[in-house]
Amino acid sequence: MNKHARWIARTVLVKPKNPDPEEAYRRLQKHLSKEGHISDWTRNRYFEKPFMKRRRLAYENCKQIYNDEMRRKVLFVLKGKHRNPWREE
């Protein structure tokens, strides 16, 4: 896995009426945290032992499977074209 950043540059637009650098910094932090760069940097600040990496990757994999299944179930329920098994008709 590469240790370098996955992007070349990030441009943060600031409104010309109120050029607040703190607002631009907050926006930049929000973009970077959404893309996962902040968590990668904080995680790679120290050496991660191999068993901890395996444990983290297994947890992330299980979490992804769970989220996919829940998303699938919610979409099924929201379709509304199926019979409700708990309601007597």
PDB file of N, CA and C in Angstrom:
ATOM      1  N   MET A   1       0.842  -1.180   0.000  1.00  0.00           N
ATOM      2  CA  MET A   1       0.000   0.000   0.000  1.00  0.00           C
ATOM      3  C   MET A   1       0.885   1.240   0.000  1.00  0.00           C
ATOM      4  N   ASN A   2       0.507   2.202  -0.796  1.00  0.00           N
ATOM      5  CA  ASN A   2       1.288   3.431  -0.879  1.00  0.00           C
ATOM      6  C   ASN A   2       1.091   4.284   0.363  1.00  0.00           C
ATOM      7  N   LYS A   3       2.147   4.921   0.792  1.00  0.00           N
ATOM      8  CA  LYS A   3       2.078   5.772   1.978  1.00  0.00           C
ATOM      9  C   LYS A   3       1.872   7.243   1.611  1.00  0.00           C
ATOM     10  N   HIS A   4       1.893   7.551   0.320  1.00  0.00           N
ATOM     11  CA  HIS A   4       1.728   8.944  -0.078  1.00  0.00           C
ATOM     12  C   HIS A   4       0.254   9.289  -0.215  1.00  0.00           C
ATOM     13  N   ALA A   5      -0.045  10.558  -0.280  1.00  0.00           N
ATOM     14  CA  ALA A   5      -1.417  11.020  -0.384  1.00  0.00           C
ATOM     15  C   ALA A   5      -2.005  10.623  -1.732  1.00  0.00           C
ATOM     16  N   ARG A   6      -3.336  10.425  -1.759  1.00  0.00           N
ATOM     17  CA  ARG A   6      -3.997   9.964  -2.963  1.00  0.00           C
ATOM     18  C   ARG A   6      -4.461  11.103  -3.864  1.00  0.00           C
ATOM     19  N   TRP A   7      -4.171  12.316  -3.526  1.00  0.00           N
ATOM     20  CA  TRP A   7      -4.618  13.443  -4.336  1.00  0.00           C
ATOM     21  C   TRP A   7      -3.452  14.385  -4.549  1.00  0.00           C
ATOM     22  N   ILE A   8      -3.564  15.218  -5.574  1.00  0.00           N
ATOM     23  CA  ILE A   8      -2.488  16.154  -5.885  1.00  0.00           C
ATOM     24  C   ILE A   8      -2.757  17.509  -5.236  1.00  0.00           C
ATOM     25  N   ALA A   9      -3.964  18.019  -5.408  1.00  0.00           N
ATOM     26  CA  ALA A   9      -4.283  19.324  -4.838  1.00  0.00           C
ATOM     27  C   ALA A   9      -5.768  19.384  -4.538  1.00  0.00           C
ATOM     28  N   ARG A  10      -6.147  20.201  -3.595  1.00  0.00           N
ATOM     29  CA  ARG A  10      -7.544  20.418  -3.252  1.00  0.00           C
ATOM     30  C   ARG A  10      -7.783  21.918  -3.218  1.00  0.00           C
ATOM     31  N   THR A  11      -8.753  22.372  -3.991  1.00  0.00           N
ATOM     32  CA  THR A  11      -9.098  23.783  -4.023  1.00  0.00           C
ATOM     33  C   THR A  11     -10.348  24.003  -3.194  1.00  0.00           C
ATOM     34  N   VAL A  12     -10.292  24.965  -2.299  1.00  0.00           N
ATOM     35  CA  VAL A  12     -11.439  25.309  -1.478  1.00  0.00           C
ATOM     36  C   VAL A  12     -11.874  26.703  -1.883  1.00  0.00           C
ATOM     37  N   LEU A  13     -13.122  26.811  -2.335  1.00  0.00           N
ATOM     38  CA  LEU A  13     -13.639  28.101  -2.776  1.00  0.00           C
ATOM     39  C   LEU A  13     -14.138  28.891  -1.570  1.00  0.00           C
ATOM     40  N   VAL A  14     -13.770  30.169  -1.542  1.00  0.00           N
ATOM     41  CA  VAL A  14     -14.195  31.073  -0.483  1.00  0.00           C
ATOM     42  C   VAL A  14     -14.975  32.190  -1.129  1.00  0.00           C
ATOM     43  N   LYS A  15     -16.104  32.536  -0.529  1.00  0.00           N
ATOM     44  CA  LYS A  15     -16.943  33.595  -1.090  1.00  0.00           C
ATOM     45  C   LYS A  15     -16.192  34.927  -1.029  1.00  0.00           C
ATOM     46  N   PRO A  16     -16.255  35.711  -2.106  1.00  0.00           N
ATOM     47  CA  PRO A  16     -15.499  36.971  -2.112  1.00  0.00           C
ATOM     48  C   PRO A  16     -16.033  38.002  -1.125  1.00  0.00           C
ATOM     49  N   LYS A  17     -17.302  37.891  -0.720  1.00  0.00           N
ATOM     50  CA  LYS A  17     -17.854  38.866   0.217  1.00  0.00           C
ATOM     51  C   LYS A  17     -17.226  38.717   1.600  1.00  0.00           C
ATOM     52  N   ASN A  18     -16.970  37.482   1.995  1.00  0.00           N
ATOM     53  CA  ASN A  18     -16.440  37.230   3.331  1.00  0.00           C
ATOM     54  C   ASN A  18     -15.267  36.248   3.219  1.00  0.00           C
ATOM     55  N   PRO A  19     -14.079  36.739   2.883  1.00  0.00           N
ATOM     56  CA  PRO A  19     -12.935  35.823   2.725  1.00  0.00           C
ATOM     57  C   PRO A  19     -12.367  35.396   4.080  1.00  0.00           C
ATOM     58  N   ASP A  20     -13.084  34.508   4.739  1.00  0.00           N
ATOM     59  CA  ASP A  20     -12.686  34.057   6.067  1.00  0.00           C
ATOM     60  C   ASP A  20     -11.802  32.824   5.939  1.00  0.00           C
ATOM     61  N   PRO A  21     -10.532  32.906   6.341  1.00  0.00           N
ATOM     62  CA  PRO A  21      -9.654  31.737   6.217  1.00  0.00           C
ATOM     63  C   PRO A  21     -10.067  30.578   7.130  1.00  0.00           C
ATOM     64  N   GLU A  22     -10.700  30.878   8.283  1.00  0.00           N
ATOM     65  CA  GLU A  22     -11.139  29.797   9.160  1.00  0.00           C
ATOM     66  C   GLU A  22     -12.257  28.983   8.518  1.00  0.00           C
ATOM     67  N   GLU A  23     -13.141  29.669   7.779  1.00  0.00           N
ATOM     68  CA  GLU A  23     -14.211  28.965   7.067  1.00  0.00           C
ATOM     69  C   GLU A  23     -13.624  28.061   5.982  1.00  0.00           C
ATOM     70  N   ALA A  24     -12.625  28.576   5.268  1.00  0.00           N
ATOM     71  CA  ALA A  24     -11.964  27.763   4.249  1.00  0.00           C
ATOM     72  C   ALA A  24     -11.280  26.560   4.878  1.00  0.00           C
ATOM     73  N   TYR A  25     -10.651  26.754   6.024  1.00  0.00           N
ATOM     74  CA  TYR A  25      -9.990  25.650   6.720  1.00  0.00           C
ATOM     75  C   TYR A  25     -10.999  24.602   7.169  1.00  0.00           C
ATOM     76  N   ARG A  26     -12.161  25.047   7.692  1.00  0.00           N
ATOM     77  CA  ARG A  26     -13.204  24.116   8.105  1.00  0.00           C
ATOM     78  C   ARG A  26     -13.726  23.314   6.917  1.00  0.00           C
ATOM     79  N   ARG A  27     -13.911  23.988   5.789  1.00  0.00           N
ATOM     80  CA  ARG A  27     -14.368  23.289   4.590  1.00  0.00           C
ATOM     81  C   ARG A  27     -13.343  22.263   4.120  1.00  0.00           C
ATOM     82  N   LEU A  28     -12.081  22.648   4.148  1.00  0.00           N
ATOM     83  CA  LEU A  28     -11.024  21.726   3.741  1.00  0.00           C
ATOM     84  C   LEU A  28     -10.998  20.502   4.661  1.00  0.00           C
ATOM     85  N   GLN A  29     -11.100  20.731   5.972  1.00  0.00           N
ATOM     86  CA  GLN A  29     -11.120  19.628   6.921  1.00  0.00           C
ATOM     87  C   GLN A  29     -12.314  18.711   6.679  1.00  0.00           C
ATOM     88  N   LYS A  30     -13.466  19.306   6.350  1.00  0.00           N
ATOM     89  CA  LYS A  30     -14.670  18.521   6.096  1.00  0.00           C
ATOM     90  C   LYS A  30     -14.487  17.638   4.867  1.00  0.00           C
ATOM     91  N   HIS A  31     -13.930  18.207   3.789  1.00  0.00           N
ATOM     92  CA  HIS A  31     -13.689  17.433   2.568  1.00  0.00           C
ATOM     93  C   HIS A  31     -12.703  16.306   2.829  1.00  0.00           C
ATOM     94  N   LEU A  32     -11.623  16.612   3.521  1.00  0.00           N
ATOM     95  CA  LEU A  32     -10.602  15.598   3.773  1.00  0.00           C
ATOM     96  C   LEU A  32     -11.112  14.484   4.682  1.00  0.00           C
ATOM     97  N   SER A  33     -11.936  14.831   5.663  1.00  0.00           N
ATOM     98  CA  SER A  33     -12.454  13.790   6.543  1.00  0.00           C
ATOM     99  C   SER A  33     -13.491  12.933   5.828  1.00  0.00           C
ATOM    100  N   LYS A  34     -14.271  13.518   4.922  1.00  0.00           N
ATOM    101  CA  LYS A  34     -15.228  12.724   4.148  1.00  0.00           C
ATOM    102  C   LYS A  34     -14.512  11.719   3.260  1.00  0.00           C
ATOM    103  N   GLU A  35     -13.389  12.109   2.700  1.00  0.00           N
ATOM    104  CA  GLU A  35     -12.639  11.224   1.815  1.00  0.00           C
ATOM    105  C   GLU A  35     -11.781  10.224   2.583  1.00  0.00           C
ATOM    106  N   GLY A  36     -11.665  10.393   3.888  1.00  0.00           N
ATOM    107  CA  GLY A  36     -10.943   9.433   4.712  1.00  0.00           C
ATOM    108  C   GLY A  36      -9.473   9.736   4.883  1.00  0.00           C
ATOM    109  N   HIS A  37      -9.014  10.894   4.430  1.00  0.00           N
ATOM    110  CA  HIS A  37      -7.592  11.211   4.549  1.00  0.00           C
ATOM    111  C   HIS A  37      -7.192  11.476   5.996  1.00  0.00           C
ATOM    112  N   ILE A  38      -8.049  12.137   6.748  1.00  0.00           N
ATOM    113  CA  ILE A  38      -7.723  12.482   8.132  1.00  0.00           C
ATOM    114  C   ILE A  38      -7.543  11.205   8.953  1.00  0.00           C
ATOM    115  N   SER A  39      -8.463  10.252   8.796  1.00  0.00           N
ATOM    116  CA  SER A  39      -8.338   9.007   9.569  1.00  0.00           C
ATOM    117  C   SER A  39      -7.108   8.213   9.138  1.00  0.00           C
ATOM    118  N   ASP A  40      -6.779   8.249   7.830  1.00  0.00           N
ATOM    119  CA  ASP A  40      -5.563   7.568   7.369  1.00  0.00           C
ATOM    120  C   ASP A  40      -4.322   8.190   7.988  1.00  0.00           C
ATOM    121  N   TRP A  41      -4.276   9.495   8.027  1.00  0.00           N
ATOM    122  CA  TRP A  41      -3.096  10.170   8.568  1.00  0.00           C
ATOM    123  C   TRP A  41      -2.953   9.928  10.060  1.00  0.00           C
ATOM    124  N   THR A  42      -4.070   9.987  10.785  1.00  0.00           N
ATOM    125  CA  THR A  42      -3.972   9.747  12.219  1.00  0.00           C
ATOM    126  C   THR A  42      -3.624   8.292  12.505  1.00  0.00           C
ATOM    127  N   ARG A  43      -4.132   7.368  11.689  1.00  0.00           N
ATOM    128  CA  ARG A  43      -3.813   5.956  11.884  1.00  0.00           C
ATOM    129  C   ARG A  43      -2.363   5.657  11.529  1.00  0.00           C
ATOM    130  N   ASN A  44      -1.829   6.325  10.507  1.00  0.00           N
ATOM    131  CA  ASN A  44      -0.454   6.073  10.080  1.00  0.00           C
ATOM    132  C   ASN A  44       0.574   6.925  10.823  1.00  0.00           C
ATOM    133  N   ARG A  45       0.134   7.657  11.812  1.00  0.00           N
ATOM    134  CA  ARG A  45       1.067   8.467  12.583  1.00  0.00           C
ATOM    135  C   ARG A  45       2.044   7.573  13.338  1.00  0.00           C
ATOM    136  N   TYR A  46       1.544   6.445  13.831  1.00  0.00           N
ATOM    137  CA  TYR A  46       2.368   5.472  14.534  1.00  0.00           C
ATOM    138  C   TYR A  46       2.309   4.147  13.779  1.00  0.00           C
ATOM    139  N   PHE A  47       3.258   3.299  14.053  1.00  0.00           N
ATOM    140  CA  PHE A  47       3.293   1.994  13.410  1.00  0.00           C
ATOM    141  C   PHE A  47       2.116   1.151  13.894  1.00  0.00           C
ATOM    142  N   GLU A  48       1.433   0.531  12.950  1.00  0.00           N
ATOM    143  CA  GLU A  48       0.318  -0.341  13.283  1.00  0.00           C
ATOM    144  C   GLU A  48       0.798  -1.793  13.213  1.00  0.00           C
ATOM    145  N   LYS A  49       0.681  -2.495  14.309  1.00  0.00           N
ATOM    146  CA  LYS A  49       1.140  -3.880  14.345  1.00  0.00           C
ATOM    147  C   LYS A  49       0.297  -4.720  13.394  1.00  0.00           C
ATOM    148  N   PRO A  50       0.898  -5.764  12.830  1.00  0.00           N
ATOM    149  CA  PRO A  50       0.163  -6.572  11.850  1.00  0.00           C
ATOM    150  C   PRO A  50      -1.135  -7.172  12.375  1.00  0.00           C
ATOM    151  N   PHE A  51      -1.159  -7.642  13.625  1.00  0.00           N
ATOM    152  CA  PHE A  51      -2.401  -8.232  14.122  1.00  0.00           C
ATOM    153  C   PHE A  51      -3.474  -7.163  14.318  1.00  0.00           C
ATOM    154  N   MET A  52      -3.062  -5.934  14.671  1.00  0.00           N
ATOM    155  CA  MET A  52      -4.037  -4.848  14.800  1.00  0.00           C
ATOM    156  C   MET A  52      -4.585  -4.454  13.433  1.00  0.00           C
ATOM    157  N   LYS A  53      -3.719  -4.490  12.411  1.00  0.00           N
ATOM    158  CA  LYS A  53      -4.169  -4.179  11.057  1.00  0.00           C
ATOM    159  C   LYS A  53      -5.163  -5.229  10.570  1.00  0.00           C
ATOM    160  N   ARG A  54      -4.873  -6.507  10.824  1.00  0.00           N
ATOM    161  CA  ARG A  54      -5.796  -7.576  10.432  1.00  0.00           C
ATOM    162  C   ARG A  54      -7.127  -7.427  11.148  1.00  0.00           C
ATOM    163  N   ARG A  55      -7.060  -7.106  12.436  1.00  0.00           N
ATOM    164  CA  ARG A  55      -8.292  -6.927  13.216  1.00  0.00           C
ATOM    165  C   ARG A  55      -9.106  -5.750  12.677  1.00  0.00           C
ATOM    166  N   ARG A  56      -8.435  -4.639  12.381  1.00  0.00           N
ATOM    167  CA  ARG A  56      -9.130  -3.459  11.848  1.00  0.00           C
ATOM    168  C   ARG A  56      -9.757  -3.758  10.496  1.00  0.00           C
ATOM    169  N   LEU A  57      -9.001  -4.431   9.613  1.00  0.00           N
ATOM    170  CA  LEU A  57      -9.532  -4.743   8.284  1.00  0.00           C
ATOM    171  C   LEU A  57     -10.713  -5.710   8.367  1.00  0.00           C
ATOM    172  N   ALA A  58     -10.641  -6.685   9.288  1.00  0.00           N
ATOM    173  CA  ALA A  58     -11.762  -7.614   9.466  1.00  0.00           C
ATOM    174  C   ALA A  58     -12.989  -6.869   9.973  1.00  0.00           C
ATOM    175  N   TYR A  59     -12.788  -5.936  10.907  1.00  0.00           N
ATOM    176  CA  TYR A  59     -13.903  -5.144  11.423  1.00  0.00           C
ATOM    177  C   TYR A  59     -14.516  -4.287  10.322  1.00  0.00           C
ATOM    178  N   GLU A  60     -13.672  -3.636   9.522  1.00  0.00           N
ATOM    179  CA  GLU A  60     -14.187  -2.803   8.431  1.00  0.00           C
ATOM    180  C   GLU A  60     -14.944  -3.641   7.415  1.00  0.00           C
ATOM    181  N   ASN A  61     -14.455  -4.861   7.145  1.00  0.00           N
ATOM    182  CA  ASN A  61     -15.129  -5.741   6.205  1.00  0.00           C
ATOM    183  C   ASN A  61     -16.501  -6.164   6.735  1.00  0.00           C
ATOM    184  N   CYS A  62     -16.560  -6.544   8.014  1.00  0.00           N
ATOM    185  CA  CYS A  62     -17.836  -6.928   8.619  1.00  0.00           C
ATOM    186  C   CYS A  62     -18.812  -5.758   8.635  1.00  0.00           C
ATOM    187  N   LYS A  63     -18.306  -4.581   8.926  1.00  0.00           N
ATOM    188  CA  LYS A  63     -19.153  -3.393   8.955  1.00  0.00           C
ATOM    189  C   LYS A  63     -19.714  -3.091   7.571  1.00  0.00           C
ATOM    190  N   GLN A  64     -18.893  -3.257   6.535  1.00  0.00           N
ATOM    191  CA  GLN A  64     -19.340  -3.017   5.170  1.00  0.00           C
ATOM    192  C   GLN A  64     -20.411  -4.027   4.765  1.00  0.00           C
ATOM    193  N   ILE A  65     -20.220  -5.297   5.122  1.00  0.00           N
ATOM    194  CA  ILE A  65     -21.215  -6.329   4.810  1.00  0.00           C
ATOM    195  C   ILE A  65     -22.529  -6.023   5.518  1.00  0.00           C
ATOM    196  N   TYR A  66     -22.449  -5.650   6.789  1.00  0.00           N
ATOM    197  CA  TYR A  66     -23.655  -5.318   7.552  1.00  0.00           C
ATOM    198  C   TYR A  66     -24.378  -4.123   6.933  1.00  0.00           C
ATOM    199  N   ASN A  67     -23.636  -3.076   6.588  1.00  0.00           N
ATOM    200  CA  ASN A  67     -24.260  -1.896   6.000  1.00  0.00           C
ATOM    201  C   ASN A  67     -24.901  -2.215   4.657  1.00  0.00           C
ATOM    202  N   ASP A  68     -24.255  -3.049   3.844  1.00  0.00           N
ATOM    203  CA  ASP A  68     -24.839  -3.430   2.557  1.00  0.00           C
ATOM    204  C   ASP A  68     -26.136  -4.209   2.749  1.00  0.00           C
ATOM    205  N   GLU A  69     -26.143  -5.136   3.711  1.00  0.00           N
ATOM    206  CA  GLU A  69     -27.349  -5.922   3.968  1.00  0.00           C
ATOM    207  C   GLU A  69     -28.484  -5.037   4.485  1.00  0.00           C
ATOM    208  N   MET A  70     -28.161  -4.123   5.395  1.00  0.00           N
ATOM    209  CA  MET A  70     -29.199  -3.230   5.917  1.00  0.00           C
ATOM    210  C   MET A  70     -29.734  -2.317   4.830  1.00  0.00           C
ATOM    211  N   ARG A  71     -28.857  -1.826   3.956  1.00  0.00           N
ATOM    212  CA  ARG A  71     -29.292  -0.988   2.845  1.00  0.00           C
ATOM    213  C   ARG A  71     -30.220  -1.772   1.915  1.00  0.00           C
ATOM    214  N   ARG A  72     -29.868  -3.049   1.663  1.00  0.00           N
ATOM    215  CA  ARG A  72     -30.696  -3.886   0.811  1.00  0.00           C
ATOM    216  C   ARG A  72     -32.065  -4.129   1.440  1.00  0.00           C
ATOM    217  N   LYS A  73     -32.105  -4.378   2.751  1.00  0.00           N
ATOM    218  CA  LYS A  73     -33.370  -4.628   3.440  1.00  0.00           C
ATOM    219  C   LYS A  73     -34.245  -3.376   3.462  1.00  0.00           C
ATOM    220  N   VAL A  74     -33.622  -2.232   3.702  1.00  0.00           N
ATOM    221  CA  VAL A  74     -34.393  -0.989   3.735  1.00  0.00           C
ATOM    222  C   VAL A  74     -34.976  -0.690   2.359  1.00  0.00           C
ATOM    223  N   LEU A  75     -34.195  -0.889   1.314  1.00  0.00           N
ATOM    224  CA  LEU A  75     -34.719  -0.665  -0.030  1.00  0.00           C
ATOM    225  C   LEU A  75     -35.850  -1.629  -0.347  1.00  0.00           C
ATOM    226  N   PHE A  76     -35.762  -2.862   0.132  1.00  0.00           N
ATOM    227  CA  PHE A  76     -36.831  -3.829  -0.077  1.00  0.00           C
ATOM    228  C   PHE A  76     -38.110  -3.385   0.614  1.00  0.00           C
ATOM    229  N   VAL A  77     -37.981  -2.897   1.835  1.00  0.00           N
ATOM    230  CA  VAL A  77     -39.148  -2.454   2.574  1.00  0.00           C
ATOM    231  C   VAL A  77     -39.746  -1.202   1.939  1.00  0.00           C
ATOM    232  N   LEU A  78     -38.901  -0.322   1.433  1.00  0.00           N
ATOM    233  CA  LEU A  78     -39.395   0.916   0.848  1.00  0.00           C
ATOM    234  C   LEU A  78     -40.058   0.715  -0.504  1.00  0.00           C
ATOM    235  N   LYS A  79     -39.813  -0.412  -1.142  1.00  0.00           N
ATOM    236  CA  LYS A  79     -40.484  -0.666  -2.417  1.00  0.00           C
ATOM    237  C   LYS A  79     -41.989  -0.670  -2.234  1.00  0.00           C
ATOM    238  N   GLY A  80     -42.462  -1.322  -1.204  1.00  0.00           N
ATOM    239  CA  GLY A  80     -43.884  -1.299  -0.890  1.00  0.00           C
ATOM    240  C   GLY A  80     -44.731  -2.196  -1.758  1.00  0.00           C
ATOM    241  N   LYS A  81     -44.155  -3.000  -2.621  1.00  0.00           N
ATOM    242  CA  LYS A  81     -44.947  -3.841  -3.517  1.00  0.00           C
ATOM    243  C   LYS A  81     -44.989  -5.286  -3.042  1.00  0.00           C
ATOM    244  N   HIS A  82     -44.648  -5.525  -1.810  1.00  0.00           N
ATOM    245  CA  HIS A  82     -44.666  -6.877  -1.285  1.00  0.00           C
ATOM    246  C   HIS A  82     -45.711  -6.981  -0.179  1.00  0.00           C
ATOM    247  N   ARG A  83     -46.116  -8.198   0.123  1.00  0.00           N
ATOM    248  CA  ARG A  83     -47.101  -8.442   1.155  1.00  0.00           C
ATOM    249  C   ARG A  83     -46.422  -8.370   2.518  1.00  0.00           C
ATOM    250  N   ASN A  84     -47.070  -7.726   3.463  1.00  0.00           N
ATOM    251  CA  ASN A  84     -46.526  -7.619   4.816  1.00  0.00           C
ATOM    252  C   ASN A  84     -46.802  -8.923   5.557  1.00  0.00           C
ATOM    253  N   PRO A  85     -45.769  -9.670   5.957  1.00  0.00           N
ATOM    254  CA  PRO A  85     -46.016 -10.961   6.603  1.00  0.00           C
ATOM    255  C   PRO A  85     -46.545 -10.852   8.026  1.00  0.00           C
ATOM    256  N   TRP A  86     -46.440  -9.704   8.667  1.00  0.00           N
ATOM    257  CA  TRP A  86     -46.876  -9.555  10.042  1.00  0.00           C
ATOM    258  C   TRP A  86     -48.296  -9.000  10.169  1.00  0.00           C
ATOM    259  N   ARG A  87     -48.840  -8.555   9.075  1.00  0.00           N
ATOM    260  CA  ARG A  87     -50.188  -7.992   9.105  1.00  0.00           C
ATOM    261  C   ARG A  87     -51.171  -9.014   8.570  1.00  0.00           C
ATOM    262  N   GLU A  88     -52.230  -9.248   9.308  1.00  0.00           N
ATOM    263  CA  GLU A  88     -53.243 -10.211   8.859  1.00  0.00           C
ATOM    264  C   GLU A  88     -54.193  -9.523   7.903  1.00  0.00           C
ATOM    265  N   GLU A  89     -54.444 -10.179   6.820  1.00  0.00           N
ATOM    266  CA  GLU A  89     -55.321  -9.587   5.804  1.00  0.00           C
ATOM    267  C   GLU A  89     -56.499 -10.487   5.552  1.00  0.00           C
TER     268      GLU A  89
END
